[in-house]
Amino acid sequence: MRRPRPALPLPLAVGAALLLGACSGGGEQEAQAPAPAPSTTAATPAATPSSSTPSSSATPSSSATPSASSSDSPGADDAGAQDLSGLALEDRHPNGTLLQVTSVAVERTGLVVGVSVVNGHTDPIRLNSRGLFLVDDQGNGYNFREPEQNGDLEVEPGAELVGELVFLGVLDPSATELTLKTNVFEADQSIDTTSRADYDTAPSMLVPGIPVG
């Protein structure tokens, strides 16, 4: 007959119970909380640069147009201003430049001349490198008002410049014709059209017979 085991003291029984509990849970892994998904921020699209209009194209275009707006033209709002359009006066330079006068407007305090310039030279040309004047048949000169941009009136090879040239001064009432002169130092300077060089990039050009009467 077996003798009963003596009962364990209470502190030892509690410790054994804790030990057994730890051993029974040792085969289980502690569940890990899922890592938070990385937050994604939508990328802000970079600004697309706006395309600039090319300065040249297959069709020759003007490199600069010195136009005279109503605010620039002397006396543009004056009643009774004389405006002659549809003119076909021109000068051809040996370097290939063609200068045409297409219109003229006589205002109270100045004159506005419409022109077209085609550069047939291999280099850029300048029509106002030395000076630009309008002269009437009475010997009076009218000073050129340079535009804010391209004051030299530069034209690239193969390009055409179209615009209006503004000249300051009151037209002599006795005048009936005007002459346009390019690249001259003074209004009364003469131009010998028979001795012009074909390599000149500052061509002196002459367009007489512009009617104003």
C-alpha atoms as a PDB file:
ATOM      1  CA  MET A   1       0.000   0.000   0.000  1.00  0.00           C
ATOM      2  CA  ARG A   2       1.405   3.288  -1.213  1.00  0.00           C
ATOM      3  CA  ARG A   3       1.861   6.060   1.125  1.00  0.00           C
ATOM      4  CA  PRO A   4       0.323   9.339   0.010  1.00  0.00           C
ATOM      5  CA  ARG A   5       2.663  12.062  -1.160  1.00  0.00           C
ATOM      6  CA  PRO A   6       2.848  14.987   1.034  1.00  0.00           C
ATOM      7  CA  ALA A   7       1.139  18.094  -0.374  1.00  0.00           C
ATOM      8  CA  LEU A   8       3.409  20.769  -1.796  1.00  0.00           C
ATOM      9  CA  PRO A   9       3.501  24.015  -0.046  1.00  0.00           C
ATOM     10  CA  LEU A  10       1.332  26.692  -1.657  1.00  0.00           C
ATOM     11  CA  PRO A  11       4.192  28.845  -3.062  1.00  0.00           C
ATOM     12  CA  LEU A  12       5.752  25.853  -4.777  1.00  0.00           C
ATOM     13  CA  ALA A  13       2.403  24.821  -6.318  1.00  0.00           C
ATOM     14  CA  VAL A  14       1.879  28.250  -7.822  1.00  0.00           C
ATOM     15  CA  GLY A  15       5.402  28.292  -9.263  1.00  0.00           C
ATOM     16  CA  ALA A  16       4.889  24.884 -10.837  1.00  0.00           C
ATOM     17  CA  ALA A  17       1.648  25.998 -12.422  1.00  0.00           C
ATOM     18  CA  LEU A  18       3.341  29.017 -13.951  1.00  0.00           C
ATOM     19  CA  LEU A  19       6.168  26.849 -15.255  1.00  0.00           C
ATOM     20  CA  LEU A  20       3.732  24.437 -16.866  1.00  0.00           C
ATOM     21  CA  GLY A  21       1.861  27.279 -18.514  1.00  0.00           C
ATOM     22  CA  ALA A  22       5.069  28.647 -19.993  1.00  0.00           C
ATOM     23  CA  CYS A  23       6.059  25.258 -21.358  1.00  0.00           C
ATOM     24  CA  SER A  24       2.680  24.631 -22.982  1.00  0.00           C
ATOM     25  CA  GLY A  25       2.797  28.038 -24.839  1.00  0.00           C
ATOM     26  CA  GLY A  26       6.371  27.737 -26.061  1.00  0.00           C
ATOM     27  CA  GLY A  27       5.410  26.257 -29.461  1.00  0.00           C
ATOM     28  CA  GLU A  28       3.272  29.204 -30.445  1.00  0.00           C
ATOM     29  CA  GLN A  29       4.710  32.357 -32.097  1.00  0.00           C
ATOM     30  CA  GLU A  30       3.465  35.707 -31.065  1.00  0.00           C
ATOM     31  CA  ALA A  31       1.323  37.256 -33.788  1.00  0.00           C
ATOM     32  CA  GLN A  32       2.959  40.360 -35.224  1.00  0.00           C
ATOM     33  CA  ALA A  33       0.922  43.359 -36.205  1.00  0.00           C
ATOM     34  CA  PRO A  34       1.141  44.001 -39.978  1.00  0.00           C
ATOM     35  CA  ALA A  35       3.464  46.857 -40.863  1.00  0.00           C
ATOM     36  CA  PRO A  36       1.602  49.885 -42.042  1.00  0.00           C
ATOM     37  CA  ALA A  37       1.636  50.251 -45.804  1.00  0.00           C
ATOM     38  CA  PRO A  38       3.905  53.068 -46.916  1.00  0.00           C
ATOM     39  CA  SER A  39       1.908  56.106 -47.841  1.00  0.00           C
ATOM     40  CA  THR A  40       2.245  57.169 -51.412  1.00  0.00           C
ATOM     41  CA  THR A  41       2.103  60.806 -52.428  1.00  0.00           C
ATOM     42  CA  ALA A  42       1.056  61.613 -55.937  1.00  0.00           C
ATOM     43  CA  ALA A  43       3.870  63.357 -57.739  1.00  0.00           C
ATOM     44  CA  THR A  44       3.027  66.819 -58.934  1.00  0.00           C
ATOM     45  CA  PRO A  45       3.678  66.957 -62.679  1.00  0.00           C
ATOM     46  CA  ALA A  46       6.378  69.397 -63.656  1.00  0.00           C
ATOM     47  CA  ALA A  47       5.276  72.389 -65.654  1.00  0.00           C
ATOM     48  CA  THR A  48       5.704  71.758 -69.344  1.00  0.00           C
ATOM     49  CA  PRO A  49       7.652  74.635 -70.928  1.00  0.00           C
ATOM     50  CA  SER A  50       5.635  76.446 -73.513  1.00  0.00           C
ATOM     51  CA  SER A  51       7.067  76.211 -76.986  1.00  0.00           C
ATOM     52  CA  SER A  52       8.306  79.449 -78.397  1.00  0.00           C
ATOM     53  CA  THR A  53       7.582  80.391 -81.912  1.00  0.00           C
ATOM     54  CA  PRO A  54      10.675  79.776 -84.038  1.00  0.00           C
ATOM     55  CA  SER A  55      12.300  82.913 -85.410  1.00  0.00           C
ATOM     56  CA  SER A  56      12.733  81.311 -88.788  1.00  0.00           C
ATOM     57  CA  SER A  57      10.760  78.801 -90.767  1.00  0.00           C
ATOM     58  CA  ALA A  58      10.701  77.268 -94.205  1.00  0.00           C
ATOM     59  CA  THR A  59       8.923  80.362 -95.425  1.00  0.00           C
ATOM     60  CA  PRO A  60      11.158  83.375 -94.847  1.00  0.00           C
ATOM     61  CA  SER A  61       9.593  85.612 -92.227  1.00  0.00           C
ATOM     62  CA  SER A  62      10.478  89.011 -90.870  1.00  0.00           C
ATOM     63  CA  SER A  63      13.081  88.999 -88.122  1.00  0.00           C
ATOM     64  CA  ALA A  64      11.625  92.207 -86.750  1.00  0.00           C
ATOM     65  CA  THR A  65       8.783  94.442 -87.792  1.00  0.00           C
ATOM     66  CA  PRO A  66       9.124  98.091 -86.768  1.00  0.00           C
ATOM     67  CA  SER A  67       5.448  98.885 -86.935  1.00  0.00           C
ATOM     68  CA  ALA A  68       3.923 102.192 -85.938  1.00  0.00           C
ATOM     69  CA  SER A  69       0.829 101.769 -83.819  1.00  0.00           C
ATOM     70  CA  SER A  70      -1.790 104.476 -83.360  1.00  0.00           C
ATOM     71  CA  SER A  71      -0.030 105.610 -80.189  1.00  0.00           C
ATOM     72  CA  ASP A  72       3.346 105.812 -81.915  1.00  0.00           C
ATOM     73  CA  SER A  73       2.256 107.482 -85.125  1.00  0.00           C
ATOM     74  CA  PRO A  74       2.327 111.264 -84.963  1.00  0.00           C
ATOM     75  CA  GLY A  75      -1.144 112.687 -85.303  1.00  0.00           C
ATOM     76  CA  ALA A  76      -2.667 109.276 -85.990  1.00  0.00           C
ATOM     77  CA  ASP A  77      -6.069 110.410 -84.731  1.00  0.00           C
ATOM     78  CA  ASP A  78      -6.103 113.675 -86.640  1.00  0.00           C
ATOM     79  CA  ALA A  79      -8.892 114.116 -89.141  1.00  0.00           C
ATOM     80  CA  GLY A  80      -7.949 114.790 -92.739  1.00  0.00           C
ATOM     81  CA  ALA A  81      -4.765 112.750 -92.750  1.00  0.00           C
ATOM     82  CA  GLN A  82      -3.652 111.735 -96.232  1.00  0.00           C
ATOM     83  CA  ASP A  83      -3.114 108.010 -96.764  1.00  0.00           C
ATOM     84  CA  LEU A  84      -1.812 106.574-100.041  1.00  0.00           C
ATOM     85  CA  SER A  85      -1.644 102.795-100.269  1.00  0.00           C
ATOM     86  CA  GLY A  86      -1.021 100.357-103.102  1.00  0.00           C
ATOM     87  CA  LEU A  87       2.289 101.948-104.092  1.00  0.00           C
ATOM     88  CA  ALA A  88       4.888  99.867-105.947  1.00  0.00           C
ATOM     89  CA  LEU A  89       8.112 101.855-105.718  1.00  0.00           C
ATOM     90  CA  GLU A  90      11.370  99.983-105.182  1.00  0.00           C
ATOM     91  CA  ASP A  91      15.148  99.898-105.224  1.00  0.00           C
ATOM     92  CA  ARG A  92      17.258  96.797-105.889  1.00  0.00           C
ATOM     93  CA  HIS A  93      20.736  96.729-104.384  1.00  0.00           C
ATOM     94  CA  PRO A  94      23.625  94.766-105.974  1.00  0.00           C
ATOM     95  CA  ASN A  95      23.904  92.694-102.756  1.00  0.00           C
ATOM     96  CA  GLY A  96      20.446  91.222-103.436  1.00  0.00           C
ATOM     97  CA  THR A  97      18.370  93.444-101.141  1.00  0.00           C
ATOM     98  CA  LEU A  98      14.973  94.582-102.398  1.00  0.00           C
ATOM     99  CA  LEU A  99      13.392  97.644-100.748  1.00  0.00           C
ATOM    100  CA  GLN A 100       9.783  98.444-101.629  1.00  0.00           C
ATOM    101  CA  VAL A 101       7.623 101.367-100.526  1.00  0.00           C
ATOM    102  CA  THR A 102       4.018 100.203-100.331  1.00  0.00           C
ATOM    103  CA  SER A 103       2.222 103.155 -98.713  1.00  0.00           C
ATOM    104  CA  VAL A 104       2.615 106.619 -97.251  1.00  0.00           C
ATOM    105  CA  ALA A 105       0.457 108.467 -94.744  1.00  0.00           C
ATOM    106  CA  VAL A 106       0.828 112.189 -94.105  1.00  0.00           C
ATOM    107  CA  GLU A 107      -0.197 113.058 -90.559  1.00  0.00           C
ATOM    108  CA  ARG A 108      -0.362 116.436 -88.837  1.00  0.00           C
ATOM    109  CA  THR A 109       3.047 116.055 -87.140  1.00  0.00           C
ATOM    110  CA  GLY A 110       4.802 113.392 -89.167  1.00  0.00           C
ATOM    111  CA  LEU A 111       4.822 110.844 -91.953  1.00  0.00           C
ATOM    112  CA  VAL A 112       4.404 107.055 -91.940  1.00  0.00           C
ATOM    113  CA  VAL A 113       5.911 105.021 -94.775  1.00  0.00           C
ATOM    114  CA  GLY A 114       4.979 101.368 -95.308  1.00  0.00           C
ATOM    115  CA  VAL A 115       7.900  99.244 -96.509  1.00  0.00           C
ATOM    116  CA  SER A 116       8.843  95.697 -97.399  1.00  0.00           C
ATOM    117  CA  VAL A 117      12.490  94.608 -97.319  1.00  0.00           C
ATOM    118  CA  VAL A 118      13.746  91.259 -98.609  1.00  0.00           C
ATOM    119  CA  ASN A 119      17.346  90.325 -97.839  1.00  0.00           C
ATOM    120  CA  GLY A 120      18.835  88.407-100.752  1.00  0.00           C
ATOM    121  CA  HIS A 121      22.349  88.639 -99.305  1.00  0.00           C
ATOM    122  CA  THR A 122      24.172  85.784 -97.529  1.00  0.00           C
ATOM    123  CA  ASP A 123      24.714  87.896 -94.390  1.00  0.00           C
ATOM    124  CA  PRO A 124      22.367  89.977 -92.235  1.00  0.00           C
ATOM    125  CA  ILE A 125      21.860  93.532 -93.482  1.00  0.00           C
ATOM    126  CA  ARG A 126      21.041  96.754 -91.615  1.00  0.00           C
ATOM    127  CA  LEU A 127      19.129  99.599 -93.240  1.00  0.00           C
ATOM    128  CA  ASN A 128      19.710 102.039 -90.383  1.00  0.00           C
ATOM    129  CA  SER A 129      23.359 101.383 -89.614  1.00  0.00           C
ATOM    130  CA  ARG A 130      24.369 104.981 -90.430  1.00  0.00           C
ATOM    131  CA  GLY A 131      21.088 106.860 -90.687  1.00  0.00           C
ATOM    132  CA  LEU A 132      17.644 106.801 -92.305  1.00  0.00           C
ATOM    133  CA  PHE A 133      15.894 109.854 -93.718  1.00  0.00           C
ATOM    134  CA  LEU A 134      12.881 110.953 -95.682  1.00  0.00           C
ATOM    135  CA  VAL A 135      13.426 114.029 -97.908  1.00  0.00           C
ATOM    136  CA  ASP A 136      10.812 116.042 -99.792  1.00  0.00           C
ATOM    137  CA  ASP A 137      11.276 117.729-103.163  1.00  0.00           C
ATOM    138  CA  GLN A 138      11.730 121.073-101.425  1.00  0.00           C
ATOM    139  CA  GLY A 139      14.915 119.863 -99.729  1.00  0.00           C
ATOM    140  CA  ASN A 140      13.417 119.312 -96.284  1.00  0.00           C
ATOM    141  CA  GLY A 141      14.551 116.284 -94.293  1.00  0.00           C
ATOM    142  CA  TYR A 142      12.430 114.290 -91.849  1.00  0.00           C
ATOM    143  CA  ASN A 143      14.105 112.376 -89.033  1.00  0.00           C
ATOM    144  CA  PHE A 144      13.438 108.685 -88.501  1.00  0.00           C
ATOM    145  CA  ARG A 145      11.904 107.600 -85.200  1.00  0.00           C
ATOM    146  CA  GLU A 146      13.613 104.340 -84.345  1.00  0.00           C
ATOM    147  CA  PRO A 147      11.416 101.511 -83.020  1.00  0.00           C
ATOM    148  CA  GLU A 148      12.067 100.219 -79.515  1.00  0.00           C
ATOM    149  CA  GLN A 149      13.253  96.896 -80.930  1.00  0.00           C
ATOM    150  CA  ASN A 150      15.555  96.379 -83.908  1.00  0.00           C
ATOM    151  CA  GLY A 151      16.379 100.047 -84.287  1.00  0.00           C
ATOM    152  CA  ASP A 152      19.047  99.192 -86.883  1.00  0.00           C
ATOM    153  CA  LEU A 153      16.361  97.534 -89.037  1.00  0.00           C
ATOM    154  CA  GLU A 154      18.355  94.324 -89.296  1.00  0.00           C
ATOM    155  CA  VAL A 155      17.093  91.642 -91.668  1.00  0.00           C
ATOM    156  CA  GLU A 156      18.398  88.078 -91.666  1.00  0.00           C
ATOM    157  CA  PRO A 157      19.457  86.345 -94.913  1.00  0.00           C
ATOM    158  CA  GLY A 158      16.436  85.182 -96.886  1.00  0.00           C
ATOM    159  CA  ALA A 159      14.016  86.975 -94.541  1.00  0.00           C
ATOM    160  CA  GLU A 160      11.497  89.707 -95.203  1.00  0.00           C
ATOM    161  CA  LEU A 161      10.839  92.709 -93.000  1.00  0.00           C
ATOM    162  CA  VAL A 162       7.406  94.314 -93.336  1.00  0.00           C
ATOM    163  CA  GLY A 163       6.368  97.357 -91.340  1.00  0.00           C
ATOM    164  CA  GLU A 164       5.819 101.079 -91.127  1.00  0.00           C
ATOM    165  CA  LEU A 165       8.592 103.624 -90.676  1.00  0.00           C
ATOM    166  CA  VAL A 166       7.722 106.790 -88.761  1.00  0.00           C
ATOM    167  CA  PHE A 167       9.377 110.112 -89.661  1.00  0.00           C
ATOM    168  CA  LEU A 168       8.936 113.212 -87.537  1.00  0.00           C
ATOM    169  CA  GLY A 169       8.062 116.676 -88.765  1.00  0.00           C
ATOM    170  CA  VAL A 170       5.316 118.650 -90.474  1.00  0.00           C
ATOM    171  CA  LEU A 171       5.233 118.141 -94.230  1.00  0.00           C
ATOM    172  CA  ASP A 172       5.993 121.240 -96.278  1.00  0.00           C
ATOM    173  CA  PRO A 173       2.702 122.295 -97.961  1.00  0.00           C
ATOM    174  CA  SER A 174       4.611 122.857-101.202  1.00  0.00           C
ATOM    175  CA  ALA A 175       6.009 119.317-101.292  1.00  0.00           C
ATOM    176  CA  THR A 176       4.605 116.864-103.799  1.00  0.00           C
ATOM    177  CA  GLU A 177       7.127 113.992-103.602  1.00  0.00           C
ATOM    178  CA  LEU A 178       9.306 112.258-101.046  1.00  0.00           C
ATOM    179  CA  THR A 179      12.532 110.258-101.281  1.00  0.00           C
ATOM    180  CA  LEU A 180      13.512 107.504 -98.857  1.00  0.00           C
ATOM    181  CA  LYS A 181      17.242 107.147 -98.113  1.00  0.00           C
ATOM    182  CA  THR A 182      18.889 104.386 -96.101  1.00  0.00           C
ATOM    183  CA  ASN A 183      22.348 104.362 -94.517  1.00  0.00           C
ATOM    184  CA  VAL A 184      23.221 108.021 -95.016  1.00  0.00           C
ATOM    185  CA  PHE A 185      24.672 110.362 -92.400  1.00  0.00           C
ATOM    186  CA  GLU A 186      22.695 113.421 -93.478  1.00  0.00           C
ATOM    187  CA  ALA A 187      19.365 114.005 -95.187  1.00  0.00           C
ATOM    188  CA  ASP A 188      21.023 115.890 -98.068  1.00  0.00           C
ATOM    189  CA  GLN A 189      23.684 113.218 -98.661  1.00  0.00           C
ATOM    190  CA  SER A 190      23.585 111.898-102.199  1.00  0.00           C
ATOM    191  CA  ILE A 191      23.656 108.202-103.105  1.00  0.00           C
ATOM    192  CA  ASP A 192      25.481 106.989-106.203  1.00  0.00           C
ATOM    193  CA  THR A 193      23.491 103.930-107.204  1.00  0.00           C
ATOM    194  CA  THR A 194      26.062 102.991-109.869  1.00  0.00           C
ATOM    195  CA  SER A 195      28.949 102.392-107.464  1.00  0.00           C
ATOM    196  CA  ARG A 196      27.338 100.225-104.795  1.00  0.00           C
ATOM    197  CA  ALA A 197      29.149  97.021-103.785  1.00  0.00           C
ATOM    198  CA  ASP A 198      27.523  93.600-103.832  1.00  0.00           C
ATOM    199  CA  TYR A 199      29.164  92.657-100.514  1.00  0.00           C
ATOM    200  CA  ASP A 200      27.785  95.646 -98.567  1.00  0.00           C
ATOM    201  CA  THR A 201      25.831  94.672 -95.426  1.00  0.00           C
ATOM    202  CA  ALA A 202      24.766  98.279 -94.712  1.00  0.00           C
ATOM    203  CA  PRO A 203      23.329  99.091 -98.141  1.00  0.00           C
ATOM    204  CA  SER A 204      22.634 102.679 -99.113  1.00  0.00           C
ATOM    205  CA  MET A 205      19.295 102.543-100.892  1.00  0.00           C
ATOM    206  CA  LEU A 206      17.220 105.180-102.627  1.00  0.00           C
ATOM    207  CA  VAL A 207      13.484 105.226-103.371  1.00  0.00           C
ATOM    208  CA  PRO A 208      12.419 108.523-104.990  1.00  0.00           C
ATOM    209  CA  GLY A 209       9.052 109.625-106.360  1.00  0.00           C
ATOM    210  CA  ILE A 210       6.867 108.830-103.337  1.00  0.00           C
ATOM    211  CA  PRO A 211       3.733 110.924-103.967  1.00  0.00           C
ATOM    212  CA  VAL A 212       2.235 113.171-101.288  1.00  0.00           C
ATOM    213  CA  GLY A 213       0.431 115.815-103.359  1.00  0.00           C
END
